């Protein structure tokens, strides 16, 4: 005897309800772990760009948290004024989410990095030395690649807020072997020592076509990525925007004058 249509529909509905309850319960149960993993990954990327962790180095979560806690000081600032703010939950802060939510962001004019909104508040990171002083400032950046949005961090020396200490892109979908070479340790090693601003205070750092030369030969230029002109241009535009007046300019002016 075949089951009736009503029985079949009811049975399928019951299965759907049970499955949805299971999925929802799993999501809730795993949320704390997912949030912890996101925070740990962010801490790892900050340590990498600060030079406190080597590429490919295998550290335990406890080691990462220990180094981060000892050497990194996250601070929240007002994006428009560059002034510090204290009403941001640093542990749960998500820049991508803050930048897209109208309640926590604002629209900006068309720009080279194609950034449409900026978060009202943003996290920056100070890197302390063994003596307790601050010798690096890490800023989050994002901009256009060929196929994706490039998201990363740039670290500046606090001796002049002009010298690059490191650059890393932690999220992108560029072509492996071409634009994906922004992950290449050899290319990233070309950034330390380069200068962001020229003598007029203008953002002059750029990725050029071909070889740029040494830091002394070309302080404002970095080798281009072979076969990846649009990705290279995207890196240039990203840095020009975020380190200029439209983004971190007010904050950098404040810390330089302090």
C-alpha atoms as a PDB file:
ATOM      1  CA  UNK A   1       0.000   0.000   0.000  1.00  0.00           C
ATOM      2  CA  UNK A   2       1.491   3.274  -1.096  1.00  0.00           C
ATOM      3  CA  UNK A   3       1.474   6.192   1.351  1.00  0.00           C
ATOM      4  CA  UNK A   4      -0.944   8.994   0.625  1.00  0.00           C
ATOM      5  CA  UNK A   5       0.173  12.312  -0.780  1.00  0.00           C
ATOM      6  CA  UNK A   6      -0.631  13.956   2.522  1.00  0.00           C
ATOM      7  CA  UNK A   7       1.606  11.488   4.357  1.00  0.00           C
ATOM      8  CA  UNK A   8       4.466  12.049   1.894  1.00  0.00           C
ATOM      9  CA  UNK A   9       4.222  15.823   2.187  1.00  0.00           C
ATOM     10  CA  UNK A  10       3.981  15.653   5.958  1.00  0.00           C
ATOM     11  CA  UNK A  11       6.954  13.305   6.237  1.00  0.00           C
ATOM     12  CA  UNK A  12       9.084  15.545   3.988  1.00  0.00           C
ATOM     13  CA  UNK A  13       8.080  18.603   6.006  1.00  0.00           C
ATOM     14  CA  UNK A  14       9.033  16.862   9.243  1.00  0.00           C
ATOM     15  CA  UNK A  15      12.444  15.951   7.844  1.00  0.00           C
ATOM     16  CA  UNK A  16      12.992  19.562   6.772  1.00  0.00           C
ATOM     17  CA  UNK A  17      12.069  20.840  10.228  1.00  0.00           C
ATOM     18  CA  UNK A  18      14.411  18.397  11.962  1.00  0.00           C
ATOM     19  CA  UNK A  19      17.248  19.228   9.534  1.00  0.00           C
ATOM     20  CA  UNK A  20      16.773  22.976   9.981  1.00  0.00           C
ATOM     21  CA  UNK A  21      16.805  22.613  13.756  1.00  0.00           C
ATOM     22  CA  UNK A  22      20.007  20.576  13.521  1.00  0.00           C
ATOM     23  CA  UNK A  23      21.718  23.092  11.211  1.00  0.00           C
ATOM     24  CA  UNK A  24      20.627  26.056  13.311  1.00  0.00           C
ATOM     25  CA  UNK A  25      21.758  24.358  16.494  1.00  0.00           C
ATOM     26  CA  UNK A  26      25.143  23.531  14.978  1.00  0.00           C
ATOM     27  CA  UNK A  27      25.621  27.121  13.814  1.00  0.00           C
ATOM     28  CA  UNK A  28      24.850  28.463  17.276  1.00  0.00           C
ATOM     29  CA  UNK A  29      27.039  25.867  18.968  1.00  0.00           C
ATOM     30  CA  UNK A  30      30.005  26.594  16.672  1.00  0.00           C
ATOM     31  CA  UNK A  31      29.711  30.387  16.665  1.00  0.00           C
ATOM     32  CA  UNK A  32      32.082  30.928  19.577  1.00  0.00           C
ATOM     33  CA  UNK A  33      34.677  28.666  17.958  1.00  0.00           C
ATOM     34  CA  UNK A  34      34.294  30.415  14.592  1.00  0.00           C
ATOM     35  CA  UNK A  35      34.690  33.825  16.224  1.00  0.00           C
ATOM     36  CA  UNK A  36      37.786  32.604  18.069  1.00  0.00           C
ATOM     37  CA  UNK A  37      39.301  31.284  14.841  1.00  0.00           C
ATOM     38  CA  UNK A  38      38.644  34.590  13.054  1.00  0.00           C
ATOM     39  CA  UNK A  39      40.330  36.502  15.848  1.00  0.00           C
ATOM     40  CA  UNK A  40      43.309  34.111  15.842  1.00  0.00           C
ATOM     41  CA  UNK A  41      43.700  34.434  12.073  1.00  0.00           C
ATOM     42  CA  UNK A  42      43.664  38.233  12.329  1.00  0.00           C
ATOM     43  CA  UNK A  43      46.302  38.103  15.056  1.00  0.00           C
ATOM     44  CA  UNK A  44      48.456  35.827  12.883  1.00  0.00           C
ATOM     45  CA  UNK A  45      48.305  38.203   9.897  1.00  0.00           C
ATOM     46  CA  UNK A  46      49.219  41.167  12.089  1.00  0.00           C
ATOM     47  CA  UNK A  47      52.240  39.268  13.453  1.00  0.00           C
ATOM     48  CA  UNK A  48      53.315  38.372   9.905  1.00  0.00           C
ATOM     49  CA  UNK A  49      53.260  41.940   8.590  1.00  0.00           C
ATOM     50  CA  UNK A  50      55.022  43.136  11.742  1.00  0.00           C
ATOM     51  CA  UNK A  51      57.844  40.629  11.181  1.00  0.00           C
ATOM     52  CA  UNK A  52      57.120  38.910  14.494  1.00  0.00           C
ATOM     53  CA  UNK A  53      56.302  35.650  12.727  1.00  0.00           C
ATOM     54  CA  UNK A  54      57.983  34.099   9.697  1.00  0.00           C
ATOM     55  CA  UNK A  55      56.205  32.966   6.537  1.00  0.00           C
ATOM     56  CA  UNK A  56      55.373  29.269   6.895  1.00  0.00           C
ATOM     57  CA  UNK A  57      56.263  29.232  10.585  1.00  0.00           C
ATOM     58  CA  UNK A  58      54.102  26.835  12.560  1.00  0.00           C
ATOM     59  CA  UNK A  59      53.050  28.355  15.852  1.00  0.00           C
ATOM     60  CA  UNK A  60      50.378  27.036  18.172  1.00  0.00           C
ATOM     61  CA  UNK A  61      47.332  29.183  18.929  1.00  0.00           C
ATOM     62  CA  UNK A  62      48.751  29.731  22.402  1.00  0.00           C
ATOM     63  CA  UNK A  63      52.074  30.960  20.988  1.00  0.00           C
ATOM     64  CA  UNK A  64      50.342  33.331  18.557  1.00  0.00           C
ATOM     65  CA  UNK A  65      48.155  34.740  21.317  1.00  0.00           C
ATOM     66  CA  UNK A  66      51.155  35.127  23.619  1.00  0.00           C
ATOM     67  CA  UNK A  67      53.302  37.045  21.104  1.00  0.00           C
ATOM     68  CA  UNK A  68      50.333  39.157  20.045  1.00  0.00           C
ATOM     69  CA  UNK A  69      49.475  39.986  23.641  1.00  0.00           C
ATOM     70  CA  UNK A  70      53.046  40.981  24.445  1.00  0.00           C
ATOM     71  CA  UNK A  71      53.846  43.038  21.343  1.00  0.00           C
ATOM     72  CA  UNK A  72      50.627  44.264  19.699  1.00  0.00           C
ATOM     73  CA  UNK A  73      48.373  47.074  20.960  1.00  0.00           C
ATOM     74  CA  UNK A  74      45.145  47.395  18.929  1.00  0.00           C
ATOM     75  CA  UNK A  75      43.494  50.809  19.004  1.00  0.00           C
ATOM     76  CA  UNK A  76      40.237  52.086  17.552  1.00  0.00           C
ATOM     77  CA  UNK A  77      40.159  55.477  15.857  1.00  0.00           C
ATOM     78  CA  UNK A  78      37.580  57.741  14.284  1.00  0.00           C
ATOM     79  CA  UNK A  79      38.132  57.491  10.539  1.00  0.00           C
ATOM     80  CA  UNK A  80      37.194  61.102   9.786  1.00  0.00           C
ATOM     81  CA  UNK A  81      39.231  62.813  12.488  1.00  0.00           C
ATOM     82  CA  UNK A  82      41.947  60.310  13.323  1.00  0.00           C
ATOM     83  CA  UNK A  83      41.126  60.711  17.010  1.00  0.00           C
ATOM     84  CA  UNK A  84      40.984  57.666  19.320  1.00  0.00           C
ATOM     85  CA  UNK A  85      37.605  56.233  20.322  1.00  0.00           C
ATOM     86  CA  UNK A  86      36.813  53.774  23.079  1.00  0.00           C
ATOM     87  CA  UNK A  87      33.391  52.382  22.204  1.00  0.00           C
ATOM     88  CA  UNK A  88      34.540  49.621  19.835  1.00  0.00           C
ATOM     89  CA  UNK A  89      34.613  45.952  20.842  1.00  0.00           C
ATOM     90  CA  UNK A  90      38.097  45.140  19.586  1.00  0.00           C
ATOM     91  CA  UNK A  91      37.739  41.355  19.878  1.00  0.00           C
ATOM     92  CA  UNK A  92      34.651  41.161  17.662  1.00  0.00           C
ATOM     93  CA  UNK A  93      35.502  44.003  15.267  1.00  0.00           C
ATOM     94  CA  UNK A  94      34.988  43.069  11.602  1.00  0.00           C
ATOM     95  CA  UNK A  95      36.189  45.795   9.234  1.00  0.00           C
ATOM     96  CA  UNK A  96      34.393  44.367   6.204  1.00  0.00           C
ATOM     97  CA  UNK A  97      31.111  44.269   8.107  1.00  0.00           C
ATOM     98  CA  UNK A  98      31.612  47.740   9.606  1.00  0.00           C
ATOM     99  CA  UNK A  99      32.383  49.126   6.139  1.00  0.00           C
ATOM    100  CA  UNK A 100      29.170  47.857   4.545  1.00  0.00           C
ATOM    101  CA  UNK A 101      26.664  48.449   7.333  1.00  0.00           C
ATOM    102  CA  UNK A 102      25.061  51.929   6.935  1.00  0.00           C
ATOM    103  CA  UNK A 103      24.779  52.108  10.731  1.00  0.00           C
ATOM    104  CA  UNK A 104      28.566  51.946  11.168  1.00  0.00           C
ATOM    105  CA  UNK A 105      29.877  53.470   7.922  1.00  0.00           C
ATOM    106  CA  UNK A 106      29.510  56.432   5.592  1.00  0.00           C
ATOM    107  CA  UNK A 107      29.593  56.968   1.843  1.00  0.00           C
ATOM    108  CA  UNK A 108      32.612  58.596   0.220  1.00  0.00           C
ATOM    109  CA  UNK A 109      33.283  60.128  -3.165  1.00  0.00           C
ATOM    110  CA  UNK A 110      34.540  58.096  -6.113  1.00  0.00           C
ATOM    111  CA  UNK A 111      38.194  57.211  -5.659  1.00  0.00           C
ATOM    112  CA  UNK A 112      41.016  55.224  -7.283  1.00  0.00           C
ATOM    113  CA  UNK A 113      40.584  52.260  -4.920  1.00  0.00           C
ATOM    114  CA  UNK A 114      36.856  51.974  -5.739  1.00  0.00           C
ATOM    115  CA  UNK A 115      36.022  52.043  -2.031  1.00  0.00           C
ATOM    116  CA  UNK A 116      32.385  53.080  -1.674  1.00  0.00           C
ATOM    117  CA  UNK A 117      32.049  53.321   2.112  1.00  0.00           C
ATOM    118  CA  UNK A 118      34.398  53.755   5.040  1.00  0.00           C
ATOM    119  CA  UNK A 119      33.815  52.521   8.586  1.00  0.00           C
ATOM    120  CA  UNK A 120      33.201  55.278  11.106  1.00  0.00           C
ATOM    121  CA  UNK A 121      35.677  53.568  13.429  1.00  0.00           C
ATOM    122  CA  UNK A 122      38.638  51.418  12.404  1.00  0.00           C
ATOM    123  CA  UNK A 123      41.234  49.283  14.179  1.00  0.00           C
ATOM    124  CA  UNK A 124      44.924  50.081  13.836  1.00  0.00           C
ATOM    125  CA  UNK A 125      47.763  48.281  15.570  1.00  0.00           C
ATOM    126  CA  UNK A 126      50.851  49.515  17.387  1.00  0.00           C
ATOM    127  CA  UNK A 127      53.866  47.196  17.572  1.00  0.00           C
ATOM    128  CA  UNK A 128      55.947  47.549  20.706  1.00  0.00           C
ATOM    129  CA  UNK A 129      59.641  46.753  21.074  1.00  0.00           C
ATOM    130  CA  UNK A 130      61.479  45.065  23.926  1.00  0.00           C
ATOM    131  CA  UNK A 131      61.887  48.400  25.699  1.00  0.00           C
ATOM    132  CA  UNK A 132      58.164  49.055  25.638  1.00  0.00           C
ATOM    133  CA  UNK A 133      58.288  51.739  22.952  1.00  0.00           C
ATOM    134  CA  UNK A 134      56.252  51.696  19.740  1.00  0.00           C
ATOM    135  CA  UNK A 135      58.276  51.154  16.557  1.00  0.00           C
ATOM    136  CA  UNK A 136      55.617  50.149  14.010  1.00  0.00           C
ATOM    137  CA  UNK A 137      52.085  51.179  13.078  1.00  0.00           C
ATOM    138  CA  UNK A 138      49.930  48.684  11.160  1.00  0.00           C
ATOM    139  CA  UNK A 139      47.028  49.914   9.049  1.00  0.00           C
ATOM    140  CA  UNK A 140      44.323  47.840   7.305  1.00  0.00           C
ATOM    141  CA  UNK A 141      43.896  48.407   3.549  1.00  0.00           C
ATOM    142  CA  UNK A 142      41.670  47.137   0.729  1.00  0.00           C
ATOM    143  CA  UNK A 143      41.322  47.846  -2.965  1.00  0.00           C
ATOM    144  CA  UNK A 144      40.797  46.498  -6.481  1.00  0.00           C
ATOM    145  CA  UNK A 145      42.602  43.546  -7.978  1.00  0.00           C
ATOM    146  CA  UNK A 146      41.866  41.984 -11.359  1.00  0.00           C
ATOM    147  CA  UNK A 147      39.288  39.477 -10.100  1.00  0.00           C
ATOM    148  CA  UNK A 148      38.782  40.396  -6.495  1.00  0.00           C
ATOM    149  CA  UNK A 149      39.099  42.874  -3.659  1.00  0.00           C
ATOM    150  CA  UNK A 150      42.569  42.869  -2.140  1.00  0.00           C
ATOM    151  CA  UNK A 151      42.497  43.028   1.655  1.00  0.00           C
ATOM    152  CA  UNK A 152      45.619  43.386   3.706  1.00  0.00           C
ATOM    153  CA  UNK A 153      47.840  45.342   6.074  1.00  0.00           C
ATOM    154  CA  UNK A 154      50.708  47.762   5.633  1.00  0.00           C
ATOM    155  CA  UNK A 155      53.166  48.433   8.443  1.00  0.00           C
ATOM    156  CA  UNK A 156      54.979  51.769   8.795  1.00  0.00           C
ATOM    157  CA  UNK A 157      57.951  52.695  10.925  1.00  0.00           C
ATOM    158  CA  UNK A 158      57.008  55.130  13.677  1.00  0.00           C
ATOM    159  CA  UNK A 159      60.391  56.849  13.286  1.00  0.00           C
ATOM    160  CA  UNK A 160      58.943  58.813  10.340  1.00  0.00           C
ATOM    161  CA  UNK A 161      55.529  57.249   9.543  1.00  0.00           C
ATOM    162  CA  UNK A 162      56.856  57.016   6.008  1.00  0.00           C
ATOM    163  CA  UNK A 163      59.101  53.948   5.792  1.00  0.00           C
ATOM    164  CA  UNK A 164      57.407  50.654   4.952  1.00  0.00           C
ATOM    165  CA  UNK A 165      58.203  47.806   7.338  1.00  0.00           C
ATOM    166  CA  UNK A 166      55.967  45.218   5.701  1.00  0.00           C
ATOM    167  CA  UNK A 167      53.012  44.563   3.397  1.00  0.00           C
ATOM    168  CA  UNK A 168      50.660  41.593   3.319  1.00  0.00           C
ATOM    169  CA  UNK A 169      47.424  40.742   1.520  1.00  0.00           C
ATOM    170  CA  UNK A 170      45.490  38.127   3.472  1.00  0.00           C
ATOM    171  CA  UNK A 171      42.416  37.884   1.234  1.00  0.00           C
ATOM    172  CA  UNK A 172      42.157  37.918  -2.562  1.00  0.00           C
ATOM    173  CA  UNK A 173      41.196  35.745  -5.557  1.00  0.00           C
ATOM    174  CA  UNK A 174      43.886  36.756  -8.032  1.00  0.00           C
ATOM    175  CA  UNK A 175      45.228  34.348 -10.672  1.00  0.00           C
ATOM    176  CA  UNK A 176      47.823  31.914  -9.273  1.00  0.00           C
ATOM    177  CA  UNK A 177      51.250  32.556 -10.801  1.00  0.00           C
ATOM    178  CA  UNK A 178      50.232  36.030 -11.976  1.00  0.00           C
ATOM    179  CA  UNK A 179      48.357  38.433  -9.684  1.00  0.00           C
ATOM    180  CA  UNK A 180      48.499  35.744  -7.019  1.00  0.00           C
ATOM    181  CA  UNK A 181      52.206  36.495  -6.727  1.00  0.00           C
ATOM    182  CA  UNK A 182      51.304  39.182  -4.201  1.00  0.00           C
ATOM    183  CA  UNK A 183      51.601  36.222  -1.811  1.00  0.00           C
ATOM    184  CA  UNK A 184      55.158  35.464  -2.960  1.00  0.00           C
ATOM    185  CA  UNK A 185      57.608  35.992  -0.071  1.00  0.00           C
ATOM    186  CA  UNK A 186      60.202  37.241  -2.564  1.00  0.00           C
ATOM    187  CA  UNK A 187      57.927  40.040  -3.776  1.00  0.00           C
ATOM    188  CA  UNK A 188      56.832  40.968  -0.263  1.00  0.00           C
ATOM    189  CA  UNK A 189      60.503  41.196   0.743  1.00  0.00           C
ATOM    190  CA  UNK A 190      60.955  44.076  -1.726  1.00  0.00           C
ATOM    191  CA  UNK A 191      58.706  46.397   0.321  1.00  0.00           C
ATOM    192  CA  UNK A 192      60.600  47.033   3.579  1.00  0.00           C
ATOM    193  CA  UNK A 193      62.527  50.311   3.394  1.00  0.00           C
ATOM    194  CA  UNK A 194      60.429  51.857   0.605  1.00  0.00           C
ATOM    195  CA  UNK A 195      59.019  55.323   1.251  1.00  0.00           C
ATOM    196  CA  UNK A 196      55.317  56.194   1.091  1.00  0.00           C
ATOM    197  CA  UNK A 197      55.520  59.987   0.761  1.00  0.00           C
ATOM    198  CA  UNK A 198      57.699  62.257  -1.352  1.00  0.00           C
ATOM    199  CA  UNK A 199      59.243  65.533  -0.198  1.00  0.00           C
ATOM    200  CA  UNK A 200      55.948  67.351  -0.826  1.00  0.00           C
ATOM    201  CA  UNK A 201      54.051  64.996   1.461  1.00  0.00           C
ATOM    202  CA  UNK A 202      52.241  63.342  -1.445  1.00  0.00           C
ATOM    203  CA  UNK A 203      51.646  59.586  -1.580  1.00  0.00           C
ATOM    204  CA  UNK A 204      54.309  58.503  -4.075  1.00  0.00           C
ATOM    205  CA  UNK A 205      54.654  54.759  -3.445  1.00  0.00           C
ATOM    206  CA  UNK A 206      53.774  52.680  -6.511  1.00  0.00           C
ATOM    207  CA  UNK A 207      54.252  49.326  -8.189  1.00  0.00           C
ATOM    208  CA  UNK A 208      56.039  49.878 -11.504  1.00  0.00           C
ATOM    209  CA  UNK A 209      56.242  47.821 -14.666  1.00  0.00           C
ATOM    210  CA  UNK A 210      59.390  45.719 -14.592  1.00  0.00           C
ATOM    211  CA  UNK A 211      62.206  46.024 -12.068  1.00  0.00           C
ATOM    212  CA  UNK A 212      62.265  49.072  -9.800  1.00  0.00           C
ATOM    213  CA  UNK A 213      65.761  48.677  -8.414  1.00  0.00           C
ATOM    214  CA  UNK A 214      67.016  48.906  -4.862  1.00  0.00           C
ATOM    215  CA  UNK A 215      65.573  51.042  -2.096  1.00  0.00           C
ATOM    216  CA  UNK A 216      68.310  53.634  -2.576  1.00  0.00           C
ATOM    217  CA  UNK A 217      67.742  53.702  -6.344  1.00  0.00           C
ATOM    218  CA  UNK A 218      63.948  53.849  -6.236  1.00  0.00           C
ATOM    219  CA  UNK A 219      62.668  54.641  -2.733  1.00  0.00           C
ATOM    220  CA  UNK A 220      59.060  55.076  -3.906  1.00  0.00           C
ATOM    221  CA  UNK A 221      58.842  52.159  -6.373  1.00  0.00           C
ATOM    222  CA  UNK A 222      58.474  48.371  -6.140  1.00  0.00           C
ATOM    223  CA  UNK A 223      58.892  45.730  -8.860  1.00  0.00           C
ATOM    224  CA  UNK A 224      55.762  44.969 -10.852  1.00  0.00           C
ATOM    225  CA  UNK A 225      54.187  41.527 -10.961  1.00  0.00           C
ATOM    226  CA  UNK A 226      55.022  39.883 -14.284  1.00  0.00           C
ATOM    227  CA  UNK A 227      51.891  39.421 -16.421  1.00  0.00           C
ATOM    228  CA  UNK A 228      49.675  41.030 -13.784  1.00  0.00           C
ATOM    229  CA  UNK A 229      49.484  44.709 -14.643  1.00  0.00           C
ATOM    230  CA  UNK A 230      45.963  45.213 -13.297  1.00  0.00           C
ATOM    231  CA  UNK A 231      46.781  43.591  -9.963  1.00  0.00           C
ATOM    232  CA  UNK A 232      49.964  45.682  -9.717  1.00  0.00           C
ATOM    233  CA  UNK A 233      47.967  48.824 -10.466  1.00  0.00           C
ATOM    234  CA  UNK A 234      45.430  47.750  -7.849  1.00  0.00           C
ATOM    235  CA  UNK A 235      48.115  47.573  -5.179  1.00  0.00           C
ATOM    236  CA  UNK A 236      49.262  51.088  -6.116  1.00  0.00           C
ATOM    237  CA  UNK A 237      45.724  52.482  -6.033  1.00  0.00           C
ATOM    238  CA  UNK A 238      45.008  50.769  -2.718  1.00  0.00           C
ATOM    239  CA  UNK A 239      48.009  52.331  -1.013  1.00  0.00           C
ATOM    240  CA  UNK A 240      47.422  55.737  -2.611  1.00  0.00           C
ATOM    241  CA  UNK A 241      43.874  55.822  -1.295  1.00  0.00           C
ATOM    242  CA  UNK A 242      44.321  54.479   2.237  1.00  0.00           C
ATOM    243  CA  UNK A 243      47.455  56.498   3.000  1.00  0.00           C
ATOM    244  CA  UNK A 244      46.027  59.668   1.478  1.00  0.00           C
ATOM    245  CA  UNK A 245      43.744  62.405   2.775  1.00  0.00           C
ATOM    246  CA  UNK A 246      40.535  60.455   2.047  1.00  0.00           C
ATOM    247  CA  UNK A 247      41.349  57.691   4.520  1.00  0.00           C
ATOM    248  CA  UNK A 248      44.219  57.548   7.025  1.00  0.00           C
ATOM    249  CA  UNK A 249      45.582  60.999   6.196  1.00  0.00           C
ATOM    250  CA  UNK A 250      44.010  62.753   9.228  1.00  0.00           C
ATOM    251  CA  UNK A 251      45.190  59.995  11.564  1.00  0.00           C
ATOM    252  CA  UNK A 252      48.757  60.041  10.213  1.00  0.00           C
ATOM    253  CA  UNK A 253      48.855  63.828  10.502  1.00  0.00           C
ATOM    254  CA  UNK A 254      47.805  63.542  14.143  1.00  0.00           C
ATOM    255  CA  UNK A 255      50.362  60.898  15.133  1.00  0.00           C
ATOM    256  CA  UNK A 256      53.170  62.670  13.262  1.00  0.00           C
ATOM    257  CA  UNK A 257      52.435  65.820  15.220  1.00  0.00           C
ATOM    258  CA  UNK A 258      52.136  64.149  18.611  1.00  0.00           C
END
